[in-house]
Amino acid sequence: MQSYSFLGSWFEYLNKDCDYSSWSQYLIKKLKQRGARLKGVDIGCGNGYFTRALYRAGYDVAGIDISPAMLNVAARKAAEEGTPCEFLLGDITKLKLTGKVDFAVAINDCLNYVPPSKLKSTFARVYSCLNRGGVFHFDISSEYKIRHILADNMFGEDGDDISYMWFNTPEEDGVTMDLIFFVRGADGRYDRFCETHRQYAHPEENVISALKAAGFSDISTEGDLGSDDKSQRINFTASKL
């Protein structure tokens, strides 16, 4: 099954312990520190939490994701919360917008799904979509996390409505993730769903090199929510000057 064809409907629910509130405030702070103007895109928006948070903060933002299931949930949640954001089907490696924007964000491992061979060309596509002075902020799960925390490990959760098992197989350039979900139906019986994800390990220096090659400058990095610890998550902020 294609990545996020099933998980897309449950992604925000299963990640409810991520402290989305603090994460979104960190994101808004980074954009303000770089003086980003108001029109932007949230690439790999998933179920749209950050898109909605940016909208509430006064930004004119559209969400983009490769998964129709993700976008269906994002549109429903946006309507329920009164945040009428636009959501578009798209792939960051083939990004093309009808007009330029002032900022682009790609949060929660979007770039880990991009193969190393496509990193430079992907950054070039983002660069071409930005106005001069535009800001690009994104994060990755670190190479250490991919190779030493995820790889060769199994994770799981047993919930009332949904349970899952998550198996990680190490690969030369990353990890293959096999997920099995058991979802409770209205009759109390459980349906089983499976899907496979492929994430790539990007050394920090390779990401910076690809950003520079694409034309970005004023590149900064830091750990989760701005910490000094970059062992598991690395945030990158760059500008188109």
Protein backbone atom coordinates (compact mmCIF):
# COMPACT_ATOMS: atom_id res chain seq x y z
CA MET A 1 0.00 0.00 0.00
CA GLN A 2 1.28 3.48 -0.88
CA SER A 3 2.74 5.50 2.02
CA TYR A 4 0.06 7.45 3.91
CA SER A 5 -2.83 5.96 1.90
CA PHE A 6 -4.15 4.61 5.21
CA LEU A 7 -2.05 6.41 7.82
CA GLY A 8 -3.07 9.74 6.28
CA SER A 9 -6.47 9.46 7.93
CA TRP A 10 -4.98 8.91 11.39
CA PHE A 11 -1.67 10.79 11.28
CA GLU A 12 -2.51 13.79 13.46
CA TYR A 13 -4.37 11.58 15.94
CA LEU A 14 -1.43 9.19 16.32
CA ASN A 15 1.01 12.08 16.75
CA LYS A 16 -1.05 13.93 19.37
CA ASP A 17 1.82 13.61 21.88
CA CYS A 18 4.16 15.69 19.66
CA ASP A 19 3.21 18.97 21.42
CA TYR A 20 2.00 20.49 18.17
CA SER A 21 1.24 23.75 19.99
CA SER A 22 4.86 24.40 21.01
CA TRP A 23 6.09 23.15 17.64
CA SER A 24 3.85 25.57 15.71
CA GLN A 25 4.89 28.50 17.93
CA TYR A 26 8.53 27.65 17.28
CA LEU A 27 7.85 27.63 13.55
CA ILE A 28 6.13 31.03 13.68
CA LYS A 29 9.01 32.43 15.71
CA LYS A 30 11.56 31.26 13.12
CA LEU A 31 9.61 32.92 10.29
CA LYS A 32 9.35 36.17 12.23
CA GLN A 33 13.08 36.12 13.08
CA ARG A 34 13.86 35.98 9.35
CA GLY A 35 11.35 38.70 8.55
CA ALA A 36 9.26 36.44 6.33
CA ARG A 37 6.34 38.17 4.68
CA LEU A 38 2.86 36.68 4.83
CA LYS A 39 2.28 34.47 1.76
CA GLY A 40 3.60 30.94 1.95
CA VAL A 41 3.23 27.20 1.54
CA ASP A 42 3.33 24.33 4.04
CA ILE A 43 4.90 21.47 2.06
CA GLY A 44 4.17 17.96 3.27
CA CYS A 45 1.38 19.50 5.33
CA GLY A 46 -0.11 16.16 6.38
CA ASN A 47 -3.39 16.69 8.22
CA GLY A 48 -2.75 20.42 8.19
CA TYR A 49 -2.01 21.30 11.82
CA PHE A 50 0.81 23.70 10.97
CA THR A 51 -1.13 25.12 8.02
CA ARG A 52 -4.01 25.98 10.32
CA ALA A 53 -1.68 27.40 13.00
CA LEU A 54 0.01 29.65 10.44
CA TYR A 55 -3.38 30.82 9.17
CA ARG A 56 -4.47 31.71 12.71
CA ALA A 57 -1.21 33.65 13.13
CA GLY A 58 -2.14 35.85 10.16
CA TYR A 59 -0.33 34.10 7.31
CA ASP A 60 -1.84 33.48 3.88
CA VAL A 61 -0.77 29.87 3.58
CA ALA A 62 -1.66 26.86 1.44
CA GLY A 63 -0.95 23.26 2.39
CA ILE A 64 0.62 20.85 -0.08
CA ASP A 65 0.89 17.08 0.33
CA ILE A 66 1.47 14.01 -1.82
CA SER A 67 -1.26 12.02 -0.02
CA PRO A 68 -4.95 12.53 -0.98
CA ALA A 69 -5.94 10.87 2.32
CA MET A 70 -3.88 13.44 4.23
CA LEU A 71 -5.44 16.30 2.30
CA ASN A 72 -8.99 15.05 2.83
CA VAL A 73 -8.49 15.12 6.59
CA ALA A 74 -6.70 18.48 6.39
CA ALA A 75 -9.59 20.08 4.51
CA ARG A 76 -12.15 18.65 6.94
CA LYS A 77 -10.25 19.85 10.00
CA ALA A 78 -9.73 23.30 8.49
CA ALA A 79 -13.48 23.61 7.82
CA GLU A 80 -14.31 22.45 11.36
CA GLU A 81 -11.93 25.00 12.89
CA GLY A 82 -12.94 27.89 10.63
CA THR A 83 -9.51 28.20 9.02
CA PRO A 84 -10.30 28.21 5.28
CA CYS A 85 -6.84 27.25 4.01
CA GLU A 86 -6.29 25.97 0.49
CA PHE A 87 -4.92 22.43 0.21
CA LEU A 88 -3.19 21.18 -2.93
CA LEU A 89 -1.98 17.79 -4.12
CA GLY A 90 1.73 17.97 -4.83
CA ASP A 91 5.18 16.40 -4.47
CA ILE A 92 8.08 18.49 -3.11
CA THR A 93 10.46 16.85 -5.60
CA LYS A 94 8.27 18.18 -8.44
CA LEU A 95 7.14 21.40 -6.77
CA LYS A 96 5.64 23.99 -9.08
CA LEU A 97 3.40 26.87 -8.02
CA THR A 98 1.29 29.26 -10.09
CA GLY A 99 2.97 32.23 -8.39
CA LYS A 100 5.87 32.95 -6.06
CA VAL A 101 5.57 32.95 -2.27
CA ASP A 102 7.40 34.60 0.62
CA PHE A 103 8.15 31.46 2.61
CA ALA A 104 8.03 27.69 2.46
CA VAL A 105 8.04 25.29 5.38
CA ALA A 106 8.38 21.50 5.35
CA ILE A 107 7.87 20.10 8.84
CA ASN A 108 8.15 16.67 10.46
CA ASP A 109 10.47 14.64 8.22
CA CYS A 110 9.15 15.68 4.80
CA LEU A 111 12.73 15.88 3.49
CA ASN A 112 13.57 12.43 4.85
CA TYR A 113 11.33 11.04 2.09
CA VAL A 114 13.50 12.67 -0.59
CA PRO A 115 16.32 10.44 -1.91
CA PRO A 116 19.83 11.91 -1.58
CA SER A 117 20.16 12.04 -5.37
CA LYS A 118 17.15 14.39 -5.55
CA LEU A 119 17.99 16.68 -2.64
CA LYS A 120 19.69 19.43 -4.68
CA SER A 121 17.02 19.48 -7.42
CA THR A 122 14.27 19.52 -4.76
CA PHE A 123 15.84 22.52 -3.03
CA ALA A 124 16.19 24.21 -6.43
CA ARG A 125 12.46 23.82 -7.01
CA VAL A 126 11.67 25.39 -3.63
CA TYR A 127 14.15 28.18 -4.36
CA SER A 128 12.48 28.96 -7.70
CA CYS A 129 9.08 29.30 -5.98
CA LEU A 130 10.29 31.93 -3.49
CA ASN A 131 10.36 35.69 -3.86
CA ARG A 132 13.62 37.48 -3.19
CA GLY A 133 14.03 37.63 0.58
CA GLY A 134 12.02 34.42 0.87
CA VAL A 135 12.56 32.01 3.75
CA PHE A 136 12.72 28.22 3.70
CA HIS A 137 12.43 26.37 7.02
CA PHE A 138 12.35 22.59 7.35
CA ASP A 139 13.51 19.76 9.57
CA ILE A 140 14.83 16.24 9.21
CA SER A 141 15.21 13.26 11.47
CA SER A 142 18.97 13.13 11.92
CA GLU A 143 21.23 10.53 10.39
CA TYR A 144 21.92 9.26 13.93
CA LYS A 145 18.19 8.82 14.61
CA ILE A 146 17.58 7.00 11.33
CA ARG A 147 20.53 4.63 11.72
CA HIS A 148 20.72 4.08 15.48
CA ILE A 149 17.27 4.71 16.96
CA LEU A 150 14.83 3.68 14.22
CA ALA A 151 16.76 1.03 12.29
CA ASP A 152 16.50 -2.54 13.56
CA ASN A 153 13.84 -1.52 16.08
CA MET A 154 10.14 -2.15 16.48
CA PHE A 155 7.63 0.30 17.95
CA GLY A 156 3.93 -0.03 18.70
CA GLU A 157 0.90 1.32 20.49
CA ASP A 158 -2.25 -0.40 21.70
CA GLY A 159 -5.25 1.95 21.70
CA ASP A 160 -8.99 1.53 22.04
CA ASP A 161 -9.80 2.44 18.42
CA ILE A 162 -6.50 1.84 16.65
CA SER A 163 -3.37 -0.18 17.41
CA TYR A 164 -0.22 -0.47 15.34
CA MET A 165 3.14 -2.19 15.00
CA TRP A 166 6.05 -0.45 13.27
CA PHE A 167 9.04 -2.46 12.05
CA ASN A 168 12.22 -0.75 10.76
CA THR A 169 14.72 -2.42 8.44
CA PRO A 170 18.07 -0.69 7.92
CA GLU A 171 19.13 0.14 4.37
CA GLU A 172 22.42 1.48 3.04
CA ASP A 173 20.99 4.98 2.67
CA GLY A 174 18.23 4.96 5.28
CA VAL A 175 15.47 2.76 6.61
CA THR A 176 12.39 0.91 5.34
CA MET A 177 9.40 1.18 7.66
CA ASP A 178 6.68 -1.48 7.59
CA LEU A 179 3.55 -0.54 9.52
CA ILE A 180 0.59 -2.74 10.44
CA PHE A 181 -2.60 -1.14 11.77
CA PHE A 182 -5.62 -2.69 13.45
CA VAL A 183 -8.66 -0.40 13.42
CA ARG A 184 -11.83 -1.05 15.38
CA GLY A 185 -15.03 -0.85 13.37
CA ALA A 186 -18.53 0.08 14.52
CA ASP A 187 -19.31 -3.60 15.13
CA GLY A 188 -16.30 -4.01 17.43
CA ARG A 189 -14.28 -6.07 14.98
CA TYR A 190 -10.82 -4.93 13.84
CA ASP A 191 -9.69 -4.42 10.26
CA ARG A 192 -6.01 -4.81 9.34
CA PHE A 193 -4.14 -2.35 7.11
CA CYS A 194 -0.48 -2.36 6.04
CA GLU A 195 1.77 0.18 4.38
CA THR A 196 5.48 0.73 3.78
CA HIS A 197 7.52 3.92 4.10
CA ARG A 198 11.06 4.67 2.96
CA GLN A 199 13.09 7.34 4.74
CA TYR A 200 16.61 8.46 3.89
CA ALA A 201 19.44 9.44 6.23
CA HIS A 202 20.82 12.86 5.27
CA PRO A 203 24.05 13.98 6.96
CA GLU A 204 23.74 17.61 8.06
CA GLU A 205 26.68 18.71 5.91
CA ASN A 206 25.11 17.14 2.80
CA VAL A 207 21.89 19.05 3.35
CA ILE A 208 23.76 22.34 3.77
CA SER A 209 25.80 21.65 0.64
CA ALA A 210 22.64 20.93 -1.39
CA LEU A 211 20.99 24.12 -0.10
CA LYS A 212 24.00 26.19 -1.15
CA ALA A 213 24.13 24.50 -4.55
CA ALA A 214 20.46 25.40 -5.07
CA GLY A 215 21.20 29.07 -4.35
CA PHE A 216 20.21 29.41 -0.69
CA SER A 217 22.32 31.42 1.75
CA ASP A 218 22.26 32.55 5.39
CA ILE A 219 21.78 28.91 6.43
CA SER A 220 21.36 28.12 10.11
CA THR A 221 20.76 24.84 11.95
CA GLU A 222 19.59 23.86 15.42
CA GLY A 223 17.98 20.99 17.27
CA ASP A 224 14.40 20.25 18.21
CA LEU A 225 12.45 23.45 19.01
CA GLY A 226 15.69 25.44 18.85
CA SER A 227 17.76 23.33 21.24
CA ASP A 228 21.48 22.70 20.89
CA ASP A 229 20.90 18.95 20.70
CA LYS A 230 20.78 17.92 17.04
CA SER A 231 21.09 14.19 17.72
CA GLN A 232 17.51 13.32 16.72
CA ARG A 233 16.02 16.29 14.86
CA ILE A 234 17.76 19.05 12.91
CA ASN A 235 16.02 22.27 11.88
CA PHE A 236 17.31 24.22 8.89
CA THR A 237 16.47 27.82 8.02
CA ALA A 238 17.72 29.39 4.79
CA SER A 239 17.01 32.49 2.73
CA LYS A 240 16.80 33.46 -0.92
CA LEU A 241 18.72 36.74 -0.93
